[in-house]
PDB file of N, CA and C in Angstrom:
ATOM      1  N   MET A   1       0.705  -0.544  -0.012  1.00  0.00           N
ATOM      2  CA  MET A   1       0.204  -0.188  -0.235  1.00  0.00           C
ATOM      3  C   MET A   1       0.924   1.414   0.536  1.00  0.00           C
ATOM      4  N   LYS A   2       0.749   2.621  -0.749  1.00  0.00           N
ATOM      5  CA  LYS A   2       1.775   2.989  -1.133  1.00  0.00           C
ATOM      6  C   LYS A   2       0.691   4.171  -0.098  1.00  0.00           C
ATOM      7  N   ALA A   3       1.881   4.947   0.864  1.00  0.00           N
ATOM      8  CA  ALA A   3       1.246   5.816   1.464  1.00  0.00           C
ATOM      9  C   ALA A   3       1.088   7.432   0.134  1.00  0.00           C
ATOM     10  N   LYS A   4       0.297   8.010   1.440  1.00  0.00           N
ATOM     11  CA  LYS A   4       0.379   9.583   0.883  1.00  0.00           C
ATOM     12  C   LYS A   4       0.162  10.908   1.783  1.00  0.00           C
ATOM     13  N   PHE A   5       1.145  11.462   1.119  1.00  0.00           N
ATOM     14  CA  PHE A   5       1.389  12.602   2.115  1.00  0.00           C
ATOM     15  C   PHE A   5       0.539  13.874   1.440  1.00  0.00           C
ATOM     16  N   HIS A   6      -0.366  14.490   2.605  1.00  0.00           N
ATOM     17  CA  HIS A   6      -1.466  15.869   2.124  1.00  0.00           C
ATOM     18  C   HIS A   6      -0.753  17.168   2.327  1.00  0.00           C
ATOM     19  N   ILE A   7      -1.708  17.465   2.485  1.00  0.00           N
ATOM     20  CA  ILE A   7      -1.186  19.501   2.357  1.00  0.00           C
ATOM     21  C   ILE A   7      -0.201  19.334   3.445  1.00  0.00           C
ATOM     22  N   MET A   8      -1.282  18.946   4.617  1.00  0.00           N
ATOM     23  CA  MET A   8      -1.065  18.763   5.828  1.00  0.00           C
ATOM     24  C   MET A   8       0.893  18.598   6.172  1.00  0.00           C
ATOM     25  N   ASP A   9      -0.175  17.566   6.357  1.00  0.00           N
ATOM     26  CA  ASP A   9       1.428  16.481   6.049  1.00  0.00           C
ATOM     27  C   ASP A   9       3.365  17.589   5.482  1.00  0.00           C
ATOM     28  N   ILE A  10       2.900  17.768   4.842  1.00  0.00           N
ATOM     29  CA  ILE A  10       3.644  18.390   3.925  1.00  0.00           C
ATOM     30  C   ILE A  10       3.928  20.820   5.271  1.00  0.00           C
ATOM     31  N   ILE A  11       3.590  20.669   4.832  1.00  0.00           N
ATOM     32  CA  ILE A  11       2.779  22.083   5.887  1.00  0.00           C
ATOM     33  C   ILE A  11       3.608  21.133   7.679  1.00  0.00           C
ATOM     34  N   MET A  12       3.439  20.760   8.339  1.00  0.00           N
ATOM     35  CA  MET A  12       4.060  20.616   9.476  1.00  0.00           C
ATOM     36  C   MET A  12       5.337  19.705   9.726  1.00  0.00           C
ATOM     37  N   TYR A  13       6.073  19.628   7.885  1.00  0.00           N
ATOM     38  CA  TYR A  13       7.256  19.173   8.229  1.00  0.00           C
ATOM     39  C   TYR A  13       8.477  19.939   7.794  1.00  0.00           C
ATOM     40  N   MET A  14       7.790  21.344   6.828  1.00  0.00           N
ATOM     41  CA  MET A  14       8.264  22.423   6.930  1.00  0.00           C
ATOM     42  C   MET A  14       7.585  23.363   8.451  1.00  0.00           C
ATOM     43  N   VAL A  15       6.737  23.779   8.604  1.00  0.00           N
ATOM     44  CA  VAL A  15       6.989  24.008   9.876  1.00  0.00           C
ATOM     45  C   VAL A  15       8.231  23.683  11.142  1.00  0.00           C
ATOM     46  N   PHE A  16       8.193  22.388  11.769  1.00  0.00           N
ATOM     47  CA  PHE A  16       9.015  21.190  12.021  1.00  0.00           C
ATOM     48  C   PHE A  16      10.341  22.407  11.317  1.00  0.00           C
ATOM     49  N   ALA A  17      10.662  22.313   9.718  1.00  0.00           N
ATOM     50  CA  ALA A  17      12.226  22.310   9.719  1.00  0.00           C
ATOM     51  C   ALA A  17      12.606  23.201   9.713  1.00  0.00           C
ATOM     52  N   ILE A  18      11.066  24.989  10.480  1.00  0.00           N
ATOM     53  CA  ILE A  18      11.638  26.404  10.346  1.00  0.00           C
ATOM     54  C   ILE A  18      12.150  26.478  11.260  1.00  0.00           C
ATOM     55  N   ALA A  19      11.364  25.862  12.419  1.00  0.00           N
ATOM     56  CA  ALA A  19      11.362  25.809  13.975  1.00  0.00           C
ATOM     57  C   ALA A  19      12.746  25.476  14.062  1.00  0.00           C
ATOM     58  N   ILE A  20      13.581  24.195  13.325  1.00  0.00           N
ATOM     59  CA  ILE A  20      14.270  23.914  14.277  1.00  0.00           C
ATOM     60  C   ILE A  20      15.682  24.721  13.681  1.00  0.00           C
ATOM     61  N   ILE A  21      15.563  25.341  11.867  1.00  0.00           N
ATOM     62  CA  ILE A  21      16.537  26.021  11.742  1.00  0.00           C
ATOM     63  C   ILE A  21      16.411  27.505  12.667  1.00  0.00           C
ATOM     64  N   LEU A  22      14.828  27.995  12.763  1.00  0.00           N
ATOM     65  CA  LEU A  22      15.351  29.444  13.799  1.00  0.00           C
ATOM     66  C   LEU A  22      16.165  28.743  15.095  1.00  0.00           C
ATOM     67  N   SER A  23      15.829  27.520  15.751  1.00  0.00           N
ATOM     68  CA  SER A  23      16.711  27.759  17.517  1.00  0.00           C
ATOM     69  C   SER A  23      18.151  27.657  16.888  1.00  0.00           C
ATOM     70  N   LEU A  24      18.353  27.707  15.949  1.00  0.00           N
ATOM     71  CA  LEU A  24      19.880  27.093  15.440  1.00  0.00           C
ATOM     72  C   LEU A  24      20.547  28.303  15.269  1.00  0.00           C
ATOM     73  N   LEU A  25      20.107  29.136  14.789  1.00  0.00           N
ATOM     74  CA  LEU A  25      20.279  30.235  14.687  1.00  0.00           C
ATOM     75  C   LEU A  25      20.544  30.824  15.779  1.00  0.00           C
ATOM     76  N   LEU A  26      19.539  31.175  16.778  1.00  0.00           N
ATOM     77  CA  LEU A  26      19.564  32.102  17.517  1.00  0.00           C
ATOM     78  C   LEU A  26      19.561  32.034  18.959  1.00  0.00           C
ATOM     79  N   ILE A  27      20.553  30.984  18.489  1.00  0.00           N
ATOM     80  CA  ILE A  27      21.630  29.777  19.821  1.00  0.00           C
ATOM     81  C   ILE A  27      22.286  31.694  20.150  1.00  0.00           C
ATOM     82  N   PRO A  28      22.419  31.636  21.505  1.00  0.00           N
ATOM     83  CA  PRO A  28      23.642  32.952  21.152  1.00  0.00           C
ATOM     84  C   PRO A  28      25.352  31.883  21.282  1.00  0.00           C
ATOM     85  N   LYS A  29      26.429  33.013  20.449  1.00  0.00           N
ATOM     86  CA  LYS A  29      27.945  32.253  20.257  1.00  0.00           C
ATOM     87  C   LYS A  29      28.481  33.090  21.526  1.00  0.00           C
ATOM     88  N   PRO A  30      28.920  31.993  21.610  1.00  0.00           N
ATOM     89  CA  PRO A  30      29.626  32.859  23.479  1.00  0.00           C
ATOM     90  C   PRO A  30      31.333  33.369  22.816  1.00  0.00           C
ATOM     91  N   SER A  31      31.787  34.036  22.692  1.00  0.00           N
ATOM     92  CA  SER A  31      31.962  35.858  22.575  1.00  0.00           C
ATOM     93  C   SER A  31      33.602  36.151  23.232  1.00  0.00           C
ATOM     94  N   ASP A  32      33.860  35.262  24.488  1.00  0.00           N
ATOM     95  CA  ASP A  32      35.145  35.612  25.139  1.00  0.00           C
ATOM     96  C   ASP A  32      34.939  36.506  25.464  1.00  0.00           C
ATOM     97  N   THR A  33      33.878  36.309  26.483  1.00  0.00           N
ATOM     98  CA  THR A  33      34.024  38.169  27.702  1.00  0.00           C
ATOM     99  C   THR A  33      33.424  37.619  29.016  1.00  0.00           C
ATOM    100  N   LEU A  34      33.802  38.594  30.069  1.00  0.00           N
ATOM    101  CA  LEU A  34      32.441  38.195  31.215  1.00  0.00           C
ATOM    102  C   LEU A  34      31.852  39.716  31.355  1.00  0.00           C
ATOM    103  N   SER A  35      30.280  39.204  31.687  1.00  0.00           N
ATOM    104  CA  SER A  35      29.883  40.503  31.828  1.00  0.00           C
ATOM    105  C   SER A  35      29.462  40.176  32.918  1.00  0.00           C
ATOM    106  N   VAL A  36      28.894  40.915  32.796  1.00  0.00           N
ATOM    107  CA  VAL A  36      29.927  41.255  34.717  1.00  0.00           C
ATOM    108  C   VAL A  36      28.115  41.995  35.482  1.00  0.00           C
ATOM    109  N   LYS A  37      27.482  41.933  35.566  1.00  0.00           N
ATOM    110  CA  LYS A  37      25.732  43.350  36.261  1.00  0.00           C
ATOM    111  C   LYS A  37      26.074  43.137  37.919  1.00  0.00           C
ATOM    112  N   ALA A  38      26.838  44.617  37.817  1.00  0.00           N
ATOM    113  CA  ALA A  38      26.894  45.006  39.944  1.00  0.00           C
ATOM    114  C   ALA A  38      26.175  46.484  39.919  1.00  0.00           C
ATOM    115  N   GLY A  39      25.272  45.536  41.290  1.00  0.00           N
ATOM    116  CA  GLY A  39      24.312  46.280  41.151  1.00  0.00           C
ATOM    117  C   GLY A  39      22.884  46.402  39.764  1.00  0.00           C
ATOM    118  N   ASP A  40      23.026  48.088  39.408  1.00  0.00           N
ATOM    119  CA  ASP A  40      22.244  48.220  38.461  1.00  0.00           C
ATOM    120  C   ASP A  40      22.625  48.422  37.129  1.00  0.00           C
ATOM    121  N   ALA A  41      24.160  48.902  37.257  1.00  0.00           N
ATOM    122  CA  ALA A  41      25.791  49.263  36.424  1.00  0.00           C
ATOM    123  C   ALA A  41      25.118  47.305  35.095  1.00  0.00           C
ATOM    124  N   GLU A  42      25.844  47.542  33.876  1.00  0.00           N
ATOM    125  CA  GLU A  42      26.496  46.637  33.204  1.00  0.00           C
ATOM    126  C   GLU A  42      27.814  46.796  32.405  1.00  0.00           C
ATOM    127  N   TYR A  43      28.665  45.419  32.392  1.00  0.00           N
ATOM    128  CA  TYR A  43      30.291  45.524  32.302  1.00  0.00           C
ATOM    129  C   TYR A  43      30.304  44.307  31.598  1.00  0.00           C
ATOM    130  N   ALA A  44      31.425  44.441  30.626  1.00  0.00           N
ATOM    131  CA  ALA A  44      31.879  43.693  29.810  1.00  0.00           C
ATOM    132  C   ALA A  44      33.389  43.528  29.911  1.00  0.00           C
ATOM    133  N   PHE A  45      34.071  42.228  29.436  1.00  0.00           N
ATOM    134  CA  PHE A  45      35.707  42.750  30.344  1.00  0.00           C
ATOM    135  C   PHE A  45      36.046  41.181  28.447  1.00  0.00           C
ATOM    136  N   SER A  46      37.303  41.680  28.535  1.00  0.00           N
ATOM    137  CA  SER A  46      37.520  40.439  27.758  1.00  0.00           C
ATOM    138  C   SER A  46      38.041  39.275  27.913  1.00  0.00           C
ATOM    139  N   LEU A  47      38.235  37.815  28.247  1.00  0.00           N
ATOM    140  CA  LEU A  47      38.803  37.249  28.911  1.00  0.00           C
ATOM    141  C   LEU A  47      39.658  37.394  27.431  1.00  0.00           C
ATOM    142  N   ASN A  48      40.694  37.428  26.742  1.00  0.00           N
ATOM    143  CA  ASN A  48      41.395  37.502  26.435  1.00  0.00           C
ATOM    144  C   ASN A  48      42.495  38.433  26.194  1.00  0.00           C
ATOM    145  N   GLU A  49      42.490  39.506  27.714  1.00  0.00           N
ATOM    146  CA  GLU A  49      42.891  40.435  27.875  1.00  0.00           C
ATOM    147  C   GLU A  49      43.247  40.449  29.667  1.00  0.00           C
ATOM    148  N   ASN A  50      44.466  39.556  30.368  1.00  0.00           N
ATOM    149  CA  ASN A  50      44.985  39.382  32.107  1.00  0.00           C
ATOM    150  C   ASN A  50      44.768  40.868  32.023  1.00  0.00           C
ATOM    151  N   GLY A  51      43.869  41.242  33.621  1.00  0.00           N
ATOM    152  CA  GLY A  51      44.112  42.513  33.795  1.00  0.00           C
ATOM    153  C   GLY A  51      43.137  42.463  35.390  1.00  0.00           C
ATOM    154  N   ILE A  52      43.250  42.705  36.689  1.00  0.00           N
ATOM    155  CA  ILE A  52      42.244  43.253  37.275  1.00  0.00           C
ATOM    156  C   ILE A  52      41.378  45.096  37.239  1.00  0.00           C
ATOM    157  N   TYR A  53      40.210  44.613  37.525  1.00  0.00           N
ATOM    158  CA  TYR A  53      38.869  44.742  36.640  1.00  0.00           C
ATOM    159  C   TYR A  53      38.059  45.260  38.581  1.00  0.00           C
ATOM    160  N   SER A  54      37.491  46.417  38.747  1.00  0.00           N
ATOM    161  CA  SER A  54      37.205  46.657  39.707  1.00  0.00           C
ATOM    162  C   SER A  54      35.880  47.233  39.011  1.00  0.00           C
ATOM    163  N   VAL A  55      34.232  47.225  40.233  1.00  0.00           N
ATOM    164  CA  VAL A  55      33.146  47.210  39.600  1.00  0.00           C
ATOM    165  C   VAL A  55      32.452  47.316  41.002  1.00  0.00           C
ATOM    166  N   GLU A  56      31.489  48.203  41.016  1.00  0.00           N
ATOM    167  CA  GLU A  56      30.599  49.137  42.347  1.00  0.00           C
ATOM    168  C   GLU A  56      29.794  47.766  42.326  1.00  0.00           C
ATOM    169  N   GLY A  57      28.909  48.029  43.265  1.00  0.00           N
ATOM    170  CA  GLY A  57      28.180  47.411  44.275  1.00  0.00           C
ATOM    171  C   GLY A  57      27.604  48.218  44.977  1.00  0.00           C
ATOM    172  N   PRO A  58      26.525  48.138  45.831  1.00  0.00           N
ATOM    173  CA  PRO A  58      25.773  49.026  46.460  1.00  0.00           C
ATOM    174  C   PRO A  58      26.826  48.593  48.200  1.00  0.00           C
ATOM    175  N   LEU A  59      26.974  47.943  48.533  1.00  0.00           N
ATOM    176  CA  LEU A  59      28.502  48.078  49.680  1.00  0.00           C
ATOM    177  C   LEU A  59      29.589  48.411  49.704  1.00  0.00           C
ATOM    178  N   GLY A  60      29.633  48.855  48.242  1.00  0.00           N
ATOM    179  CA  GLY A  60      31.517  48.953  47.220  1.00  0.00           C
ATOM    180  C   GLY A  60      31.836  48.117  46.484  1.00  0.00           C
ATOM    181  N   THR A  61      33.143  48.412  45.827  1.00  0.00           N
ATOM    182  CA  THR A  61      33.493  47.832  44.846  1.00  0.00           C
ATOM    183  C   THR A  61      33.921  46.477  45.355  1.00  0.00           C
ATOM    184  N   THR A  62      34.064  45.624  44.453  1.00  0.00           N
ATOM    185  CA  THR A  62      34.327  44.511  44.080  1.00  0.00           C
ATOM    186  C   THR A  62      35.221  43.589  42.988  1.00  0.00           C
ATOM    187  N   THR A  63      36.589  44.068  43.635  1.00  0.00           N
ATOM    188  CA  THR A  63      37.312  43.678  42.292  1.00  0.00           C
ATOM    189  C   THR A  63      37.481  42.178  41.142  1.00  0.00           C
ATOM    190  N   ILE A  64      37.571  42.264  40.361  1.00  0.00           N
ATOM    191  CA  ILE A  64      37.740  41.669  39.598  1.00  0.00           C
ATOM    192  C   ILE A  64      38.648  40.231  38.810  1.00  0.00           C
ATOM    193  N   GLU A  65      39.509  39.630  39.385  1.00  0.00           N
ATOM    194  CA  GLU A  65      41.055  39.827  37.688  1.00  0.00           C
ATOM    195  C   GLU A  65      40.444  37.987  36.794  1.00  0.00           C
ATOM    196  N   ILE A  66      40.907  38.903  35.432  1.00  0.00           N
ATOM    197  CA  ILE A  66      40.945  37.519  34.142  1.00  0.00           C
ATOM    198  C   ILE A  66      42.147  37.616  34.601  1.00  0.00           C
ATOM    199  N   ARG A  67      42.976  36.397  34.583  1.00  0.00           N
ATOM    200  CA  ARG A  67      44.170  35.437  33.565  1.00  0.00           C
ATOM    201  C   ARG A  67      43.460  34.199  32.679  1.00  0.00           C
ATOM    202  N   ASP A  68      44.892  33.801  32.209  1.00  0.00           N
ATOM    203  CA  ASP A  68      44.451  32.905  30.649  1.00  0.00           C
ATOM    204  C   ASP A  68      42.812  32.975  30.610  1.00  0.00           C
ATOM    205  N   LYS A  69      42.102  33.439  30.017  1.00  0.00           N
ATOM    206  CA  LYS A  69      40.396  33.409  30.119  1.00  0.00           C
ATOM    207  C   LYS A  69      39.585  32.740  31.177  1.00  0.00           C
ATOM    208  N   ARG A  70      40.036  33.076  32.105  1.00  0.00           N
ATOM    209  CA  ARG A  70      39.795  31.859  33.720  1.00  0.00           C
ATOM    210  C   ARG A  70      39.420  33.603  34.356  1.00  0.00           C
ATOM    211  N   ALA A  71      38.514  33.787  35.367  1.00  0.00           N
ATOM    212  CA  ALA A  71      37.707  34.767  35.874  1.00  0.00           C
ATOM    213  C   ALA A  71      37.815  34.530  37.423  1.00  0.00           C
ATOM    214  N   ARG A  72      37.843  35.359  38.563  1.00  0.00           N
ATOM    215  CA  ARG A  72      37.755  35.327  40.070  1.00  0.00           C
ATOM    216  C   ARG A  72      37.802  37.071  40.254  1.00  0.00           C
ATOM    217  N   ILE A  73      36.514  36.399  41.789  1.00  0.00           N
ATOM    218  CA  ILE A  73      36.650  37.485  42.713  1.00  0.00           C
ATOM    219  C   ILE A  73      37.884  38.026  43.012  1.00  0.00           C
ATOM    220  N   ILE A  74      39.000  38.617  43.770  1.00  0.00           N
ATOM    221  CA  ILE A  74      40.000  38.738  44.459  1.00  0.00           C
ATOM    222  C   ILE A  74      40.058  39.390  45.471  1.00  0.00           C
ATOM    223  N   ASP A  75      38.710  40.563  46.011  1.00  0.00           N
ATOM    224  CA  ASP A  75      38.634  41.368  46.915  1.00  0.00           C
ATOM    225  C   ASP A  75      37.127  41.485  46.400  1.00  0.00           C
ATOM    226  N   SER A  76      36.284  42.169  48.065  1.00  0.00           N
ATOM    227  CA  SER A  76      35.294  42.155  48.169  1.00  0.00           C
ATOM    228  C   SER A  76      34.608  43.321  49.152  1.00  0.00           C
ATOM    229  N   PRO A  77      34.072  44.012  49.835  1.00  0.00           N
ATOM    230  CA  PRO A  77      33.157  44.377  50.739  1.00  0.00           C
ATOM    231  C   PRO A  77      32.521  43.439  51.457  1.00  0.00           C
ATOM    232  N   CYS A  78      31.528  42.426  51.460  1.00  0.00           N
ATOM    233  CA  CYS A  78      30.935  42.050  51.875  1.00  0.00           C
ATOM    234  C   CYS A  78      31.764  41.381  52.714  1.00  0.00           C
ATOM    235  N   PRO A  79      30.830  40.118  53.818  1.00  0.00           N
ATOM    236  CA  PRO A  79      30.962  40.751  55.173  1.00  0.00           C
ATOM    237  C   PRO A  79      31.312  38.970  55.379  1.00  0.00           C
ATOM    238  N   ASN A  80      31.012  38.283  54.885  1.00  0.00           N
ATOM    239  CA  ASN A  80      31.698  36.475  54.322  1.00  0.00           C
ATOM    240  C   ASN A  80      32.626  36.106  53.900  1.00  0.00           C
ATOM    241  N   LYS A  81      33.459  37.374  52.518  1.00  0.00           N
ATOM    242  CA  LYS A  81      34.454  35.981  52.167  1.00  0.00           C
ATOM    243  C   LYS A  81      33.905  35.312  50.385  1.00  0.00           C
ATOM    244  N   THR A  82      32.848  34.822  51.321  1.00  0.00           N
ATOM    245  CA  THR A  82      32.354  33.591  50.589  1.00  0.00           C
ATOM    246  C   THR A  82      32.785  33.547  48.607  1.00  0.00           C
ATOM    247  N   CYS A  83      32.295  34.964  48.220  1.00  0.00           N
ATOM    248  CA  CYS A  83      33.110  34.885  46.992  1.00  0.00           C
ATOM    249  C   CYS A  83      34.258  34.926  46.316  1.00  0.00           C
ATOM    250  N   VAL A  84      35.210  35.606  47.360  1.00  0.00           N
ATOM    251  CA  VAL A  84      35.713  35.033  47.274  1.00  0.00           C
ATOM    252  C   VAL A  84      37.249  34.082  47.542  1.00  0.00           C
ATOM    253  N   ALA A  85      36.896  32.930  47.992  1.00  0.00           N
ATOM    254  CA  ALA A  85      36.952  31.727  48.642  1.00  0.00           C
ATOM    255  C   ALA A  85      36.835  31.426  47.117  1.00  0.00           C
ATOM    256  N   SER A  86      36.470  31.657  46.671  1.00  0.00           N
ATOM    257  CA  SER A  86      35.029  30.199  45.869  1.00  0.00           C
ATOM    258  C   SER A  86      36.274  29.911  44.577  1.00  0.00           C
ATOM    259  N   SER A  87      37.547  30.732  44.128  1.00  0.00           N
ATOM    260  CA  SER A  87      38.185  31.019  43.370  1.00  0.00           C
ATOM    261  C   SER A  87      38.116  31.327  42.647  1.00  0.00           C
ATOM    262  N   TRP A  88      38.902  30.715  40.773  1.00  0.00           N
ATOM    263  CA  TRP A  88      37.782  30.385  39.381  1.00  0.00           C
ATOM    264  C   TRP A  88      37.160  29.980  39.259  1.00  0.00           C
ATOM    265  N   SER A  89      35.971  30.372  38.315  1.00  0.00           N
ATOM    266  CA  SER A  89      34.610  29.954  37.850  1.00  0.00           C
ATOM    267  C   SER A  89      34.449  30.842  36.854  1.00  0.00           C
ATOM    268  N   LYS A  90      33.112  30.103  36.495  1.00  0.00           N
ATOM    269  CA  LYS A  90      32.798  30.125  34.681  1.00  0.00           C
ATOM    270  C   LYS A  90      31.807  30.738  35.050  1.00  0.00           C
ATOM    271  N   THR A  91      31.143  31.573  36.439  1.00  0.00           N
ATOM    272  CA  THR A  91      29.598  31.702  37.313  1.00  0.00           C
ATOM    273  C   THR A  91      30.226  32.781  38.962  1.00  0.00           C
ATOM    274  N   LEU A  92      30.579  34.136  38.319  1.00  0.00           N
ATOM    275  CA  LEU A  92      30.829  34.327  40.081  1.00  0.00           C
ATOM    276  C   LEU A  92      30.239  35.526  40.453  1.00  0.00           C
ATOM    277  N   VAL A  93      29.701  35.139  42.099  1.00  0.00           N
ATOM    278  CA  VAL A  93      28.794  35.549  42.203  1.00  0.00           C
ATOM    279  C   VAL A  93      29.133  36.141  44.441  1.00  0.00           C
ATOM    280  N   CYS A  94      28.307  37.624  44.036  1.00  0.00           N
ATOM    281  CA  CYS A  94      29.228  37.206  45.363  1.00  0.00           C
ATOM    282  C   CYS A  94      28.076  38.343  46.003  1.00  0.00           C
ATOM    283  N   LEU A  95      26.382  38.036  46.152  1.00  0.00           N
ATOM    284  CA  LEU A  95      25.452  38.120  46.178  1.00  0.00           C
ATOM    285  C   LEU A  95      24.864  39.899  47.174  1.00  0.00           C
ATOM    286  N   PRO A  96      25.822  39.832  48.805  1.00  0.00           N
ATOM    287  CA  PRO A  96      25.702  41.146  49.465  1.00  0.00           C
ATOM    288  C   PRO A  96      26.659  42.350  48.828  1.00  0.00           C
ATOM    289  N   ASN A  97      27.139  42.190  47.843  1.00  0.00           N
ATOM    290  CA  ASN A  97      26.889  43.213  47.457  1.00  0.00           C
ATOM    291  C   ASN A  97      26.349  43.858  45.527  1.00  0.00           C
ATOM    292  N   LYS A  98      25.651  42.456  45.014  1.00  0.00           N
ATOM    293  CA  LYS A  98      24.638  41.785  44.240  1.00  0.00           C
ATOM    294  C   LYS A  98      25.715  42.635  42.681  1.00  0.00           C
ATOM    295  N   VAL A  99      26.588  42.214  42.942  1.00  0.00           N
ATOM    296  CA  VAL A  99      27.771  41.636  41.599  1.00  0.00           C
ATOM    297  C   VAL A  99      27.822  40.072  41.154  1.00  0.00           C
ATOM    298  N   ILE A 100      27.609  39.706  39.968  1.00  0.00           N
ATOM    299  CA  ILE A 100      27.206  39.011  39.739  1.00  0.00           C
ATOM    300  C   ILE A 100      27.934  38.798  37.907  1.00  0.00           C
ATOM    301  N   ALA A 101      28.769  37.721  37.955  1.00  0.00           N
ATOM    302  CA  ALA A 101      29.956  37.403  36.128  1.00  0.00           C
ATOM    303  C   ALA A 101      29.895  36.073  35.846  1.00  0.00           C
ATOM    304  N   THR A 102      29.739  36.521  34.513  1.00  0.00           N
ATOM    305  CA  THR A 102      29.045  35.304  34.074  1.00  0.00           C
ATOM    306  C   THR A 102      30.573  35.490  32.799  1.00  0.00           C
ATOM    307  N   ALA A 103      31.461  34.489  32.783  1.00  0.00           N
ATOM    308  CA  ALA A 103      32.045  33.807  31.215  1.00  0.00           C
ATOM    309  C   ALA A 103      31.342  33.134  30.236  1.00  0.00           C
ATOM    310  N   ASN A 104      31.943  34.302  29.017  1.00  0.00           N
ATOM    311  CA  ASN A 104      31.217  34.048  27.621  1.00  0.00           C
ATOM    312  C   ASN A 104      32.658  32.727  26.767  1.00  0.00           C
ATOM    313  N   SER A 105      32.471  31.538  26.629  1.00  0.00           N
ATOM    314  CA  SER A 105      34.033  31.353  26.265  1.00  0.00           C
ATOM    315  C   SER A 105      34.239  30.790  25.108  1.00  0.00           C
ATOM    316  N   LYS A 106      34.300  30.726  23.459  1.00  0.00           N
ATOM    317  CA  LYS A 106      34.614  30.021  22.729  1.00  0.00           C
ATOM    318  C   LYS A 106      34.907  28.423  23.106  1.00  0.00           C
ATOM    319  N   ASP A 107      35.575  28.601  23.433  1.00  0.00           N
ATOM    320  CA  ASP A 107      36.582  27.068  24.029  1.00  0.00           C
ATOM    321  C   ASP A 107      36.059  26.466  24.950  1.00  0.00           C
ATOM    322  N   GLU A 108      34.409  26.539  24.878  1.00  0.00           N
ATOM    323  CA  GLU A 108      34.123  25.850  25.936  1.00  0.00           C
ATOM    324  C   GLU A 108      35.078  24.273  25.582  1.00  0.00           C
ATOM    325  N   GLY A 109      34.654  23.811  26.846  1.00  0.00           N
ATOM    326  CA  GLY A 109      35.113  22.381  27.543  1.00  0.00           C
ATOM    327  C   GLY A 109      36.217  22.420  28.365  1.00  0.00           C
ATOM    328  N   GLY A 110      36.948  20.898  29.076  1.00  0.00           N
ATOM    329  CA  GLY A 110      37.995  20.842  30.125  1.00  0.00           C
ATOM    330  C   GLY A 110      37.155  21.272  31.221  1.00  0.00           C
ATOM    331  N   ILE A 111      37.877  20.772  32.201  1.00  0.00           N
ATOM    332  CA  ILE A 111      37.400  21.171  33.572  1.00  0.00           C
ATOM    333  C   ILE A 111      36.569  22.749  34.160  1.00  0.00           C
ATOM    334  N   ASP A 112      35.184  22.272  34.809  1.00  0.00           N
ATOM    335  CA  ASP A 112      35.235  23.554  35.379  1.00  0.00           C
ATOM    336  C   ASP A 112      35.768  24.118  36.434  1.00  0.00           C
ATOM    337  N   ALA A 113      34.873  23.226  37.551  1.00  0.00           N
ATOM    338  CA  ALA A 113      35.551  23.424  39.108  1.00  0.00           C
ATOM    339  C   ALA A 113      35.912  21.738  38.883  1.00  0.00           C
ATOM    340  N   THR A 114      36.618  22.056  40.490  1.00  0.00           N
ATOM    341  CA  THR A 114      37.369  20.474  40.894  1.00  0.00           C
ATOM    342  C   THR A 114      36.930  20.775  42.343  1.00  0.00           C
ATOM    343  N   SER A 115      36.889  19.511  42.884  1.00  0.00           N
ATOM    344  CA  SER A 115      36.495  19.130  43.859  1.00  0.00           C
ATOM    345  C   SER A 115      37.753  18.473  44.797  1.00  0.00           C
ATOM    346  N   SER A 116      37.831  18.148  46.338  1.00  0.00           N
ATOM    347  CA  SER A 116      38.897  16.800  47.120  1.00  0.00           C
ATOM    348  C   SER A 116      37.993  16.522  48.157  1.00  0.00           C
TER     349      SER A 116
END
């Protein structure tokens, strides 16, 4: 028995194909940047350039170090300094000072964190 395609079958396949193509095109591409939101301000720093950067949060200045396409918080005015102790990470968070940083790197892969 021969299968017949109806016009609705063709339309359904076309809709699925378009949805798949659009979803692939709309995925954000990594750009080797550190995106930082500090209070109401937003910053972007290149992960390709080593350096030490300061951002202002509600409690004061949080200092971020970028080295070898990695980032960490090296100083913050928060009372317990958990963010400083967390070391290198793709996501940096200092909740008391309302600083959140996310590393977007083209070189995805490798080990994000280790534990012992």
